[in-house]
PDB file of N, CA and C in Angstrom:
ATOM      1  N   MET A   1     138.383 180.887 -57.692  1.00  0.00           N
ATOM      2  CA  MET A   1     137.957 179.510 -57.773  1.00  0.00           C
ATOM      3  C   MET A   1     139.011 178.626 -58.447  1.00  0.00           C
ATOM      4  N   GLN A   2     139.679 179.151 -59.454  1.00  0.00           N
ATOM      5  CA  GLN A   2     140.693 178.362 -60.154  1.00  0.00           C
ATOM      6  C   GLN A   2     141.871 178.035 -59.242  1.00  0.00           C
ATOM      7  N   ILE A   3     142.192 178.939 -58.329  1.00  0.00           N
ATOM      8  CA  ILE A   3     143.296 178.691 -57.404  1.00  0.00           C
ATOM      9  C   ILE A   3     142.945 177.530 -56.483  1.00  0.00           C
ATOM     10  N   LYS A   4     141.709 177.482 -56.021  1.00  0.00           N
ATOM     11  CA  LYS A   4     141.277 176.374 -55.166  1.00  0.00           C
ATOM     12  C   LYS A   4     141.378 175.047 -55.922  1.00  0.00           C
ATOM     13  N   ARG A   5     140.989 175.040 -57.192  1.00  0.00           N
ATOM     14  CA  ARG A   5     141.098 173.822 -58.000  1.00  0.00           C
ATOM     15  C   ARG A   5     142.551 173.409 -58.164  1.00  0.00           C
ATOM     16  N   ALA A   6     143.452 174.374 -58.332  1.00  0.00           N
ATOM     17  CA  ALA A   6     144.874 174.066 -58.465  1.00  0.00           C
ATOM     18  C   ALA A   6     145.412 173.451 -57.171  1.00  0.00           C
ATOM     19  N   LEU A   7     145.015 173.998 -56.027  1.00  0.00           N
ATOM     20  CA  LEU A   7     145.448 173.439 -54.747  1.00  0.00           C
ATOM     21  C   LEU A   7     144.900 172.032 -54.545  1.00  0.00           C
ATOM     22  N   THR A   8     143.656 171.800 -54.934  1.00  0.00           N
ATOM     23  CA  THR A   8     143.070 170.467 -54.839  1.00  0.00           C
ATOM     24  C   THR A   8     143.835 169.490 -55.727  1.00  0.00           C
ATOM     25  N   PHE A   9     144.182 169.933 -56.931  1.00  0.00           N
ATOM     26  CA  PHE A   9     144.968 169.093 -57.836  1.00  0.00           C
ATOM     27  C   PHE A   9     146.311 168.726 -57.205  1.00  0.00           C
ATOM     28  N   LEU A  10     147.005 169.714 -56.634  1.00  0.00           N
ATOM     29  CA  LEU A  10     148.301 169.445 -56.013  1.00  0.00           C
ATOM     30  C   LEU A  10     148.165 168.489 -54.827  1.00  0.00           C
ATOM     31  N   ASP A  11     147.152 168.688 -54.002  1.00  0.00           N
ATOM     32  CA  ASP A  11     146.911 167.766 -52.885  1.00  0.00           C
ATOM     33  C   ASP A  11     146.689 166.347 -53.389  1.00  0.00           C
ATOM     34  N   ASP A  12     145.846 166.195 -54.403  1.00  0.00           N
ATOM     35  CA  ASP A  12     145.594 164.871 -54.968  1.00  0.00           C
ATOM     36  C   ASP A  12     146.864 164.271 -55.556  1.00  0.00           C
ATOM     37  N   LEU A  13     147.629 165.079 -56.250  1.00  0.00           N
ATOM     38  CA  LEU A  13     148.873 164.608 -56.855  1.00  0.00           C
ATOM     39  C   LEU A  13     149.826 164.074 -55.787  1.00  0.00           C
ATOM     40  N   PHE A  14     150.033 164.842 -54.724  1.00  0.00           N
ATOM     41  CA  PHE A  14     150.938 164.419 -53.660  1.00  0.00           C
ATOM     42  C   PHE A  14     150.402 163.201 -52.911  1.00  0.00           C
ATOM     43  N   ASP A  15     149.085 163.092 -52.776  1.00  0.00           N
ATOM     44  CA  ASP A  15     148.486 161.980 -52.043  1.00  0.00           C
ATOM     45  C   ASP A  15     148.428 160.688 -52.853  1.00  0.00           C
ATOM     46  N   LEU A  16     148.272 160.784 -54.161  1.00  0.00           N
ATOM     47  CA  LEU A  16     147.983 159.599 -54.971  1.00  0.00           C
ATOM     48  C   LEU A  16     149.131 159.107 -55.843  1.00  0.00           C
ATOM     49  N   VAL A  17     150.150 159.923 -56.055  1.00  0.00           N
ATOM     50  CA  VAL A  17     151.245 159.553 -56.956  1.00  0.00           C
ATOM     51  C   VAL A  17     152.509 159.326 -56.139  1.00  0.00           C
ATOM     52  N   ASP A  18     153.111 158.156 -56.313  1.00  0.00           N
ATOM     53  CA  ASP A  18     154.311 157.811 -55.550  1.00  0.00           C
ATOM     54  C   ASP A  18     155.602 158.315 -56.184  1.00  0.00           C
ATOM     55  N   GLU A  19     155.580 158.625 -57.472  1.00  0.00           N
ATOM     56  CA  GLU A  19     156.793 159.050 -58.157  1.00  0.00           C
ATOM     57  C   GLU A  19     157.302 160.378 -57.600  1.00  0.00           C
ATOM     58  N   ARG A  20     158.610 160.535 -57.611  1.00  0.00           N
ATOM     59  CA  ARG A  20     159.220 161.778 -57.122  1.00  0.00           C
ATOM     60  C   ARG A  20     159.185 162.878 -58.174  1.00  0.00           C
ATOM     61  N   VAL A  21     159.191 162.493 -59.449  1.00  0.00           N
ATOM     62  CA  VAL A  21     159.183 163.467 -60.541  1.00  0.00           C
ATOM     63  C   VAL A  21     157.954 163.196 -61.406  1.00  0.00           C
ATOM     64  N   VAL A  22     157.180 164.237 -61.641  1.00  0.00           N
ATOM     65  CA  VAL A  22     155.982 164.144 -62.470  1.00  0.00           C
ATOM     66  C   VAL A  22     156.022 165.287 -63.470  1.00  0.00           C
ATOM     67  N   PHE A  23     155.777 164.982 -64.719  1.00  0.00           N
ATOM     68  CA  PHE A  23     155.737 165.992 -65.775  1.00  0.00           C
ATOM     69  C   PHE A  23     154.275 166.208 -66.152  1.00  0.00           C
ATOM     70  N   ILE A  24     153.817 167.438 -66.095  1.00  0.00           N
ATOM     71  CA  ILE A  24     152.418 167.759 -66.363  1.00  0.00           C
ATOM     72  C   ILE A  24     152.345 168.682 -67.574  1.00  0.00           C
ATOM     73  N   VAL A  25     151.514 168.313 -68.530  1.00  0.00           N
ATOM     74  CA  VAL A  25     151.279 169.147 -69.706  1.00  0.00           C
ATOM     75  C   VAL A  25     149.871 169.707 -69.576  1.00  0.00           C
ATOM     76  N   THR A  26     149.749 171.029 -69.631  1.00  0.00           N
ATOM     77  CA  THR A  26     148.442 171.664 -69.448  1.00  0.00           C
ATOM     78  C   THR A  26     148.427 173.009 -70.165  1.00  0.00           C
ATOM     79  N   HIS A  27     147.342 173.730 -70.043  1.00  0.00           N
ATOM     80  CA  HIS A  27     147.223 175.030 -70.709  1.00  0.00           C
ATOM     81  C   HIS A  27     147.665 176.158 -69.776  1.00  0.00           C
ATOM     82  N   SER A  28     147.805 177.332 -70.330  1.00  0.00           N
ATOM     83  CA  SER A  28     148.373 178.461 -69.589  1.00  0.00           C
ATOM     84  C   SER A  28     147.543 178.866 -68.372  1.00  0.00           C
ATOM     85  N   GLY A  29     146.228 178.705 -68.435  1.00  0.00           N
ATOM     86  CA  GLY A  29     145.387 179.064 -67.298  1.00  0.00           C
ATOM     87  C   GLY A  29     145.680 178.218 -66.074  1.00  0.00           C
ATOM     88  N   THR A  30     145.921 176.931 -66.289  1.00  0.00           N
ATOM     89  CA  THR A  30     146.263 176.048 -65.174  1.00  0.00           C
ATOM     90  C   THR A  30     147.635 176.393 -64.617  1.00  0.00           C
ATOM     91  N   VAL A  31     148.576 176.703 -65.485  1.00  0.00           N
ATOM     92  CA  VAL A  31     149.912 177.113 -65.022  1.00  0.00           C
ATOM     93  C   VAL A  31     149.794 178.359 -64.156  1.00  0.00           C
ATOM     94  N   ARG A  32     149.065 179.339 -64.638  1.00  0.00           N
ATOM     95  CA  ARG A  32     148.887 180.605 -63.900  1.00  0.00           C
ATOM     96  C   ARG A  32     148.225 180.364 -62.545  1.00  0.00           C
ATOM     97  N   SER A  33     147.159 179.575 -62.519  1.00  0.00           N
ATOM     98  CA  SER A  33     146.443 179.284 -61.265  1.00  0.00           C
ATOM     99  C   SER A  33     147.322 178.536 -60.277  1.00  0.00           C
ATOM    100  N   THR A  34     148.102 177.597 -60.783  1.00  0.00           N
ATOM    101  CA  THR A  34     148.987 176.824 -59.898  1.00  0.00           C
ATOM    102  C   THR A  34     150.068 177.715 -59.306  1.00  0.00           C
ATOM    103  N   LEU A  35     150.652 178.585 -60.115  1.00  0.00           N
ATOM    104  CA  LEU A  35     151.662 179.508 -59.587  1.00  0.00           C
ATOM    105  C   LEU A  35     151.056 180.422 -58.517  1.00  0.00           C
ATOM    106  N   LEU A  36     149.863 180.921 -58.749  1.00  0.00           N
ATOM    107  CA  LEU A  36     149.195 181.757 -57.745  1.00  0.00           C
ATOM    108  C   LEU A  36     148.887 180.954 -56.484  1.00  0.00           C
ATOM    109  N   ALA A  37     148.485 179.705 -56.648  1.00  0.00           N
ATOM    110  CA  ALA A  37     148.128 178.860 -55.508  1.00  0.00           C
ATOM    111  C   ALA A  37     149.312 178.586 -54.590  1.00  0.00           C
ATOM    112  N   ILE A  38     150.509 178.561 -55.161  1.00  0.00           N
ATOM    113  CA  ILE A  38     151.692 178.290 -54.343  1.00  0.00           C
ATOM    114  C   ILE A  38     152.432 179.567 -53.950  1.00  0.00           C
ATOM    115  N   GLY A  39     151.807 180.700 -54.225  1.00  0.00           N
ATOM    116  CA  GLY A  39     152.364 181.958 -53.743  1.00  0.00           C
ATOM    117  C   GLY A  39     153.337 182.650 -54.676  1.00  0.00           C
ATOM    118  N   ARG A  40     153.377 182.242 -55.927  1.00  0.00           N
ATOM    119  CA  ARG A  40     154.258 182.898 -56.894  1.00  0.00           C
ATOM    120  C   ARG A  40     153.499 184.011 -57.608  1.00  0.00           C
ATOM    121  N   GLU A  41     154.216 184.902 -58.282  1.00  0.00           N
ATOM    122  CA  GLU A  41     153.564 185.972 -59.033  1.00  0.00           C
ATOM    123  C   GLU A  41     152.825 185.378 -60.231  1.00  0.00           C
ATOM    124  N   PRO A  42     151.756 186.039 -60.667  1.00  0.00           N
ATOM    125  CA  PRO A  42     151.017 185.519 -61.809  1.00  0.00           C
ATOM    126  C   PRO A  42     151.870 185.568 -63.075  1.00  0.00           C
ATOM    127  N   TYR A  43     151.753 184.536 -63.872  1.00  0.00           N
ATOM    128  CA  TYR A  43     152.507 184.458 -65.118  1.00  0.00           C
ATOM    129  C   TYR A  43     151.675 183.659 -66.108  1.00  0.00           C
ATOM    130  N   ARG A  44     151.489 184.182 -67.294  1.00  0.00           N
ATOM    131  CA  ARG A  44     150.761 183.459 -68.336  1.00  0.00           C
ATOM    132  C   ARG A  44     151.754 183.110 -69.446  1.00  0.00           C
ATOM    133  N   PRO A  45     152.068 181.813 -69.582  1.00  0.00           N
ATOM    134  CA  PRO A  45     153.030 181.391 -70.606  1.00  0.00           C
ATOM    135  C   PRO A  45     152.531 181.667 -72.022  1.00  0.00           C
ATOM    136  N   GLN A  46     153.472 181.856 -72.916  1.00  0.00           N
ATOM    137  CA  GLN A  46     153.150 181.997 -74.335  1.00  0.00           C
ATOM    138  C   GLN A  46     152.795 180.624 -74.898  1.00  0.00           C
ATOM    139  N   ASN A  47     152.181 180.596 -76.066  1.00  0.00           N
ATOM    140  CA  ASN A  47     151.815 179.351 -76.721  1.00  0.00           C
ATOM    141  C   ASN A  47     153.042 178.461 -76.901  1.00  0.00           C
ATOM    142  N   THR A  48     152.942 177.227 -76.505  1.00  0.00           N
ATOM    143  CA  THR A  48     153.972 176.173 -76.570  1.00  0.00           C
ATOM    144  C   THR A  48     155.163 176.417 -75.640  1.00  0.00           C
ATOM    145  N   GLU A  49     155.089 177.371 -74.749  1.00  0.00           N
ATOM    146  CA  GLU A  49     156.196 177.661 -73.839  1.00  0.00           C
ATOM    147  C   GLU A  49     156.272 176.614 -72.724  1.00  0.00           C
ATOM    148  N   LEU A  50     157.476 176.226 -72.381  1.00  0.00           N
ATOM    149  CA  LEU A  50     157.724 175.302 -71.286  1.00  0.00           C
ATOM    150  C   LEU A  50     158.044 176.115 -70.031  1.00  0.00           C
ATOM    151  N   VAL A  51     157.355 175.821 -68.936  1.00  0.00           N
ATOM    152  CA  VAL A  51     157.580 176.520 -67.671  1.00  0.00           C
ATOM    153  C   VAL A  51     157.998 175.478 -66.631  1.00  0.00           C
ATOM    154  N   PRO A  52     159.308 175.308 -66.414  1.00  0.00           N
ATOM    155  CA  PRO A  52     159.750 174.321 -65.433  1.00  0.00           C
ATOM    156  C   PRO A  52     159.548 174.840 -64.007  1.00  0.00           C
ATOM    157  N   VAL A  53     158.863 174.056 -63.197  1.00  0.00           N
ATOM    158  CA  VAL A  53     158.601 174.411 -61.803  1.00  0.00           C
ATOM    159  C   VAL A  53     158.800 173.165 -60.959  1.00  0.00           C
ATOM    160  N   ILE A  54     159.523 173.302 -59.870  1.00  0.00           N
ATOM    161  CA  ILE A  54     159.701 172.200 -58.926  1.00  0.00           C
ATOM    162  C   ILE A  54     158.916 172.547 -57.671  1.00  0.00           C
ATOM    163  N   ILE A  55     158.003 171.667 -57.296  1.00  0.00           N
ATOM    164  CA  ILE A  55     157.181 171.882 -56.108  1.00  0.00           C
ATOM    165  C   ILE A  55     157.429 170.733 -55.149  1.00  0.00           C
ATOM    166  N   LYS A  56     157.809 171.068 -53.932  1.00  0.00           N
ATOM    167  CA  LYS A  56     158.016 170.066 -52.890  1.00  0.00           C
ATOM    168  C   LYS A  56     156.957 170.263 -51.829  1.00  0.00           C
ATOM    169  N   ARG A  57     156.376 169.170 -51.381  1.00  0.00           N
ATOM    170  CA  ARG A  57     155.337 169.278 -50.360  1.00  0.00           C
ATOM    171  C   ARG A  57     155.983 169.291 -48.978  1.00  0.00           C
ATOM    172  N   ASN A  58     155.733 170.355 -48.281  1.00  0.00           N
ATOM    173  CA  ASN A  58     156.134 170.502 -46.883  1.00  0.00           C
ATOM    174  C   ASN A  58     154.883 170.885 -46.129  1.00  0.00           C
ATOM    175  N   SER A  59     154.539 170.174 -45.111  1.00  0.00           N
ATOM    176  CA  SER A  59     153.301 170.449 -44.374  1.00  0.00           C
ATOM    177  C   SER A  59     153.344 171.839 -43.773  1.00  0.00           C
ATOM    178  N   PRO A  60     152.242 172.561 -43.805  1.00  0.00           N
ATOM    179  CA  PRO A  60     150.964 172.225 -44.415  1.00  0.00           C
ATOM    180  C   PRO A  60     150.846 172.660 -45.866  1.00  0.00           C
ATOM    181  N   ALA A  61     151.704 173.557 -46.363  1.00  0.00           N
ATOM    182  CA  ALA A  61     151.556 174.063 -47.721  1.00  0.00           C
ATOM    183  C   ALA A  61     152.813 173.725 -48.535  1.00  0.00           C
ATOM    184  N   PRO A  62     152.670 173.572 -49.870  1.00  0.00           N
ATOM    185  CA  PRO A  62     153.824 173.272 -50.703  1.00  0.00           C
ATOM    186  C   PRO A  62     154.781 174.464 -50.781  1.00  0.00           C
ATOM    187  N   VAL A  63     156.067 174.153 -50.941  1.00  0.00           N
ATOM    188  CA  VAL A  63     157.099 175.158 -51.158  1.00  0.00           C
ATOM    189  C   VAL A  63     157.582 174.980 -52.579  1.00  0.00           C
ATOM    190  N   VAL A  64     157.877 176.063 -53.257  1.00  0.00           N
ATOM    191  CA  VAL A  64     158.215 175.976 -54.688  1.00  0.00           C
ATOM    192  C   VAL A  64     159.605 176.519 -54.960  1.00  0.00           C
ATOM    193  N   GLU A  65     160.240 175.901 -55.938  1.00  0.00           N
ATOM    194  CA  GLU A  65     161.470 176.422 -56.521  1.00  0.00           C
ATOM    195  C   GLU A  65     161.196 176.548 -58.011  1.00  0.00           C
ATOM    196  N   VAL A  66     161.483 177.683 -58.603  1.00  0.00           N
ATOM    197  CA  VAL A  66     161.296 177.851 -60.026  1.00  0.00           C
ATOM    198  C   VAL A  66     162.648 177.675 -60.689  1.00  0.00           C
ATOM    199  N   ALA A  67     162.719 176.701 -61.573  1.00  0.00           N
ATOM    200  CA  ALA A  67     163.984 176.379 -62.221  1.00  0.00           C
ATOM    201  C   ALA A  67     164.273 177.328 -63.364  1.00  0.00           C
TER     202      ALA A  67
END
């Protein structure tokens, strides 16, 4: 269920935000769900860890580059 919510969030983000670069601050569960939603291996960040991820929307599903 969390993966579906992450995909919905990404769809809304791409549909509603015009900026090319968006910085999102969230908790580790959301990071993990988003990585799983875009086809990356599961990863749970440590407390206060920064996880840089670049996601580009290509129809129909987003493609990711991990920086």
